[in-house]
Amino acid sequence: MSTPRQVVLDTETTGLDPRQGHRIIEIGAVELISRRATGQHYHVYLNPEREIDPGATQVHGMTWEDLKDKPRFAEVAGGLLEFLGNAEVLIHNASFDCGFLDQEFGLLGIAPLREHCSGIIDTLRMAKELHPGKRNNLDALCERYQIDNARRTLHGALLDAQLLAEIYLAMTRGQESLLMDLSPAFVPGAQGGGGERPPVRVLAANAGEAEDHVNYLASLQKDSGGRCVWLAEAPLS
């Protein structure tokens, strides 16, 4: 099973809502191929042609004075699209970044982001499904997956994209290997396996393992606010 080329992307902006005229001031993106960082990245600061909200400056540390000599989005749009190159794009809280990118593309008469990539994965949604009821911002996920984020004293698009790439690989670790490690003889429908599949050996859980399992399901039930799907049909006694 081949893994598509992926681009992990992040932006910083002048404020929270593109519908209020807020613009992108920084774009950072890193490339993954076959679940490995290639070292190729895209990074640019932008002149937003407007002031930056004080609240946004507190987050990323930049002001309009810092950015007045930077290129405008129109000057970098081609390079960004070339770097995307129809990759699968990974974004944390995708609706936020896509809203800003689609606005910038729209001002230039360019199609939305989804038209330039093979798909968009929202890693925030993925994290919420994996860790219901818990904090799932980048700092919390770095702590959960033991990823060093000591440099992240302020938000920065390239650094955040690099951290998100590590988080995504940690969240999805093992998924690719499940099929790749199977011998063709044991993949349903595979040809040329040679010989019949041996009988499956079933090992029953011991009393301690069974108790651990019950306790784990109980913790999931608590963290999900009573929505643990494994308990829907078989509640704990």
Protein backbone atom coordinates (compact mmCIF):
# COMPACT_ATOMS: atom_id res chain seq x y z
CA MET A 1 0.00 0.00 0.00
CA SER A 2 1.58 3.26 -1.10
CA THR A 3 1.27 6.41 0.97
CA PRO A 4 0.43 9.60 -0.94
CA ARG A 5 2.60 12.68 -0.74
CA GLN A 6 1.39 14.78 2.16
CA VAL A 7 1.88 18.43 3.08
CA VAL A 8 1.38 19.60 6.65
CA LEU A 9 0.31 23.25 6.59
CA ASP A 10 -0.27 26.10 9.03
CA THR A 11 -0.99 29.83 8.79
CA GLU A 12 -0.85 32.89 11.02
CA THR A 13 -3.27 35.76 10.48
CA THR A 14 -4.15 39.34 11.41
CA GLY A 15 -7.24 38.20 13.31
CA LEU A 16 -9.83 35.48 13.65
CA ASP A 17 -12.32 36.00 10.84
CA PRO A 18 -11.57 36.45 7.11
CA ARG A 19 -15.12 37.75 6.62
CA GLN A 20 -14.08 40.80 8.64
CA GLY A 21 -11.23 41.50 6.25
CA HIS A 22 -8.49 39.72 8.18
CA ARG A 23 -5.61 38.36 6.12
CA ILE A 24 -2.82 35.80 6.22
CA ILE A 25 0.59 37.01 7.42
CA GLU A 26 2.56 33.73 7.44
CA ILE A 27 2.37 30.33 5.75
CA GLY A 28 4.45 27.32 6.76
CA ALA A 29 4.30 23.83 5.24
CA VAL A 30 6.41 20.68 5.40
CA GLU A 31 6.48 17.65 3.10
CA LEU A 32 5.95 14.03 4.10
CA ILE A 33 6.48 11.11 1.72
CA SER A 34 5.80 7.56 2.87
CA ARG A 35 5.33 8.92 6.41
CA ARG A 36 8.79 10.47 6.49
CA ALA A 37 9.74 14.14 6.60
CA THR A 38 11.76 14.87 3.46
CA GLY A 39 13.28 18.13 4.72
CA GLN A 40 11.47 20.05 1.97
CA HIS A 41 9.39 22.93 3.27
CA TYR A 42 7.61 26.10 2.20
CA HIS A 43 7.72 29.23 4.38
CA VAL A 44 6.83 32.84 3.71
CA TYR A 45 5.86 35.98 5.61
CA LEU A 46 3.29 38.25 3.96
CA ASN A 47 2.29 41.89 3.93
CA PRO A 48 -1.41 41.74 4.90
CA GLU A 49 -2.06 45.30 3.71
CA ARG A 50 -3.77 46.11 7.00
CA GLU A 51 -3.14 46.42 10.72
CA ILE A 52 -2.94 43.34 12.94
CA ASP A 53 -5.30 42.92 15.89
CA PRO A 54 -3.49 43.31 19.25
CA GLY A 55 -4.83 39.92 20.33
CA ALA A 56 -3.30 38.26 17.27
CA THR A 57 0.05 39.97 17.91
CA GLN A 58 0.03 38.50 21.41
CA VAL A 59 -0.27 35.03 19.83
CA HIS A 60 2.39 35.24 17.10
CA GLY A 61 4.37 38.35 18.08
CA MET A 62 4.18 40.14 14.71
CA THR A 63 2.95 43.63 13.82
CA TRP A 64 2.24 45.31 10.50
CA GLU A 65 5.51 47.24 10.86
CA ASP A 66 7.33 43.88 10.83
CA LEU A 67 5.62 42.85 7.60
CA LYS A 68 5.34 45.97 5.43
CA ASP A 69 8.34 44.98 3.31
CA LYS A 70 7.15 41.39 2.77
CA PRO A 71 5.51 40.14 -0.45
CA ARG A 72 1.75 40.18 -0.87
CA PHE A 73 -0.20 36.93 -1.24
CA ALA A 74 -0.60 37.51 -4.97
CA GLU A 75 3.18 37.33 -5.37
CA VAL A 76 3.51 33.95 -3.63
CA ALA A 77 0.30 32.15 -4.63
CA GLY A 78 1.98 30.38 -7.56
CA GLY A 79 4.83 29.08 -5.42
CA LEU A 80 2.42 27.83 -2.76
CA LEU A 81 0.31 25.96 -5.31
CA GLU A 82 3.45 24.45 -6.83
CA PHE A 83 4.55 23.19 -3.41
CA LEU A 84 1.12 21.71 -2.70
CA GLY A 85 1.33 19.81 -6.00
CA ASN A 86 -1.97 17.92 -5.51
CA ALA A 87 -0.76 16.46 -2.19
CA GLU A 88 -2.97 15.41 0.68
CA VAL A 89 -2.99 18.43 3.02
CA LEU A 90 -3.00 18.09 6.82
CA ILE A 91 -4.20 21.08 8.87
CA HIS A 92 -5.04 21.44 12.57
CA ASN A 93 -8.50 23.04 12.72
CA ALA A 94 -8.76 22.98 8.96
CA SER A 95 -11.85 25.20 8.71
CA PHE A 96 -9.85 28.15 10.09
CA ASP A 97 -6.87 27.95 7.72
CA CYS A 98 -8.98 26.91 4.72
CA GLY A 99 -11.28 29.88 5.29
CA PHE A 100 -8.34 32.28 5.09
CA LEU A 101 -6.64 30.53 2.16
CA ASP A 102 -9.88 30.31 0.19
CA GLN A 103 -10.44 34.04 0.73
CA GLU A 104 -6.93 34.84 -0.51
CA PHE A 105 -7.33 32.58 -3.54
CA GLY A 106 -10.77 34.04 -4.24
CA LEU A 107 -9.41 37.59 -4.31
CA LEU A 108 -7.14 36.44 -7.14
CA GLY A 109 -9.83 34.49 -9.00
CA ILE A 110 -8.22 31.16 -8.04
CA ALA A 111 -10.22 28.08 -7.05
CA PRO A 112 -10.43 27.08 -3.36
CA LEU A 113 -7.74 24.99 -1.68
CA ARG A 114 -9.66 21.72 -2.06
CA GLU A 115 -9.32 22.07 -5.85
CA HIS A 116 -5.52 22.04 -5.61
CA CYS A 117 -5.00 18.97 -3.41
CA SER A 118 -6.03 15.35 -3.29
CA GLY A 119 -7.74 15.78 0.06
CA ILE A 120 -7.73 17.73 3.33
CA ILE A 121 -7.33 16.04 6.72
CA ASP A 122 -8.33 17.96 9.84
CA THR A 123 -5.95 16.71 12.52
CA LEU A 124 -7.95 18.48 15.24
CA ARG A 125 -11.00 16.39 14.37
CA MET A 126 -8.80 13.29 14.33
CA ALA A 127 -7.37 14.16 17.77
CA LYS A 128 -10.85 14.73 19.23
CA GLU A 129 -11.93 11.30 18.02
CA LEU A 130 -8.84 9.70 19.57
CA HIS A 131 -8.97 11.71 22.82
CA PRO A 132 -12.60 12.70 23.50
CA GLY A 133 -13.12 15.16 26.30
CA LYS A 134 -9.45 16.17 26.45
CA ARG A 135 -7.55 19.26 25.33
CA ASN A 136 -6.31 18.74 21.79
CA ASN A 137 -4.42 21.91 20.87
CA LEU A 138 -0.83 21.58 19.68
CA ASP A 139 0.74 22.10 23.11
CA ALA A 140 -1.51 19.49 24.73
CA LEU A 141 -0.83 16.98 21.95
CA CYS A 142 2.92 17.59 22.15
CA GLU A 143 2.77 16.82 25.86
CA ARG A 144 0.59 13.74 25.28
CA TYR A 145 2.91 12.30 22.64
CA GLN A 146 6.15 13.49 24.31
CA ILE A 147 7.14 15.81 21.47
CA ASP A 148 9.57 18.59 22.36
CA ASN A 149 7.87 21.96 21.86
CA ALA A 150 10.22 24.04 24.02
CA ARG A 151 10.86 26.42 21.09
CA ARG A 152 7.16 27.26 20.83
CA THR A 153 7.11 30.37 22.99
CA LEU A 154 4.95 32.04 20.31
CA HIS A 155 2.91 30.61 17.46
CA GLY A 156 4.80 30.38 14.16
CA ALA A 157 3.50 28.77 10.98
CA LEU A 158 6.59 26.76 10.04
CA LEU A 159 7.37 25.56 13.57
CA ASP A 160 3.72 24.64 14.14
CA ALA A 161 3.64 22.72 10.84
CA GLN A 162 6.76 20.81 11.88
CA LEU A 163 5.26 19.97 15.28
CA LEU A 164 1.96 18.97 13.68
CA ALA A 165 3.78 16.59 11.34
CA GLU A 166 5.30 14.83 14.36
CA ILE A 167 1.93 14.76 16.12
CA TYR A 168 0.19 13.30 13.06
CA LEU A 169 2.79 10.55 12.70
CA ALA A 170 2.42 9.74 16.41
CA MET A 171 -1.38 9.66 16.21
CA THR A 172 -1.35 7.35 13.18
CA ARG A 173 1.66 5.21 14.07
CA GLY A 174 1.13 1.60 13.09
CA GLN A 175 -1.71 2.11 10.62
CA GLU A 176 0.47 1.71 7.55
CA SER A 177 2.35 -1.30 8.89
CA LEU A 178 -0.77 -3.34 9.63
CA LEU A 179 -1.26 -4.28 5.98
CA MET A 180 2.34 -3.95 4.82
CA ASP A 181 3.51 -6.54 7.36
CA LEU A 182 0.97 -9.18 6.33
CA SER A 183 2.28 -12.00 4.18
CA PRO A 184 0.33 -12.37 0.90
CA ALA A 185 -0.63 -15.87 2.04
CA PHE A 186 -2.76 -14.35 4.78
CA VAL A 187 -4.34 -11.43 2.97
CA PRO A 188 -7.91 -12.29 1.89
CA GLY A 189 -8.04 -12.66 -1.88
CA ALA A 190 -4.25 -12.55 -2.35
CA GLN A 191 -2.80 -14.73 -5.10
CA GLY A 192 0.17 -17.04 -4.91
CA GLY A 193 0.12 -17.45 -1.14
CA GLY A 194 0.84 -21.17 -1.26
CA GLY A 195 -0.81 -23.45 1.27
CA GLU A 196 -3.83 -23.10 3.51
CA ARG A 197 -4.14 -20.59 6.30
CA PRO A 198 -3.24 -22.24 9.63
CA PRO A 199 -5.87 -22.32 12.38
CA VAL A 200 -6.11 -19.19 14.48
CA ARG A 201 -4.88 -19.64 18.04
CA VAL A 202 -7.24 -18.00 20.53
CA LEU A 203 -5.85 -16.86 23.88
CA ALA A 204 -8.40 -15.93 26.55
CA ALA A 205 -7.70 -12.98 28.84
CA ASN A 206 -6.79 -13.80 32.40
CA ALA A 207 -8.61 -12.28 35.37
CA GLY A 208 -6.17 -9.38 35.72
CA GLU A 209 -6.33 -8.52 32.00
CA ALA A 210 -10.13 -8.68 32.07
CA GLU A 211 -10.22 -6.28 35.01
CA ASP A 212 -7.84 -3.88 33.23
CA HIS A 213 -10.11 -3.98 30.19
CA VAL A 214 -13.20 -3.14 32.24
CA ASN A 215 -11.38 -0.26 33.94
CA TYR A 216 -10.20 1.09 30.56
CA LEU A 217 -13.74 1.03 29.15
CA ALA A 218 -14.99 2.79 32.27
CA SER A 219 -12.41 5.56 31.77
CA LEU A 220 -13.46 5.93 28.11
CA GLN A 221 -17.08 6.18 29.21
CA LYS A 222 -16.17 8.98 31.63
CA ASP A 223 -13.94 10.90 29.18
CA SER A 224 -16.57 10.73 26.41
CA GLY A 225 -19.43 11.90 28.59
CA GLY A 226 -21.20 8.55 28.45
CA ARG A 227 -20.78 8.03 24.70
CA CYS A 228 -18.36 5.08 24.62
CA VAL A 229 -19.52 3.06 21.59
CA TRP A 230 -18.10 -0.22 22.94
CA LEU A 231 -20.50 -0.03 25.88
CA ALA A 232 -23.59 0.78 23.81
CA GLU A 233 -24.54 -2.89 23.43
CA ALA A 234 -22.84 -4.35 26.49
CA PRO A 235 -22.95 -1.98 29.49
CA LEU A 236 -20.62 -2.57 32.41
CA SER A 237 -22.29 -4.49 35.22
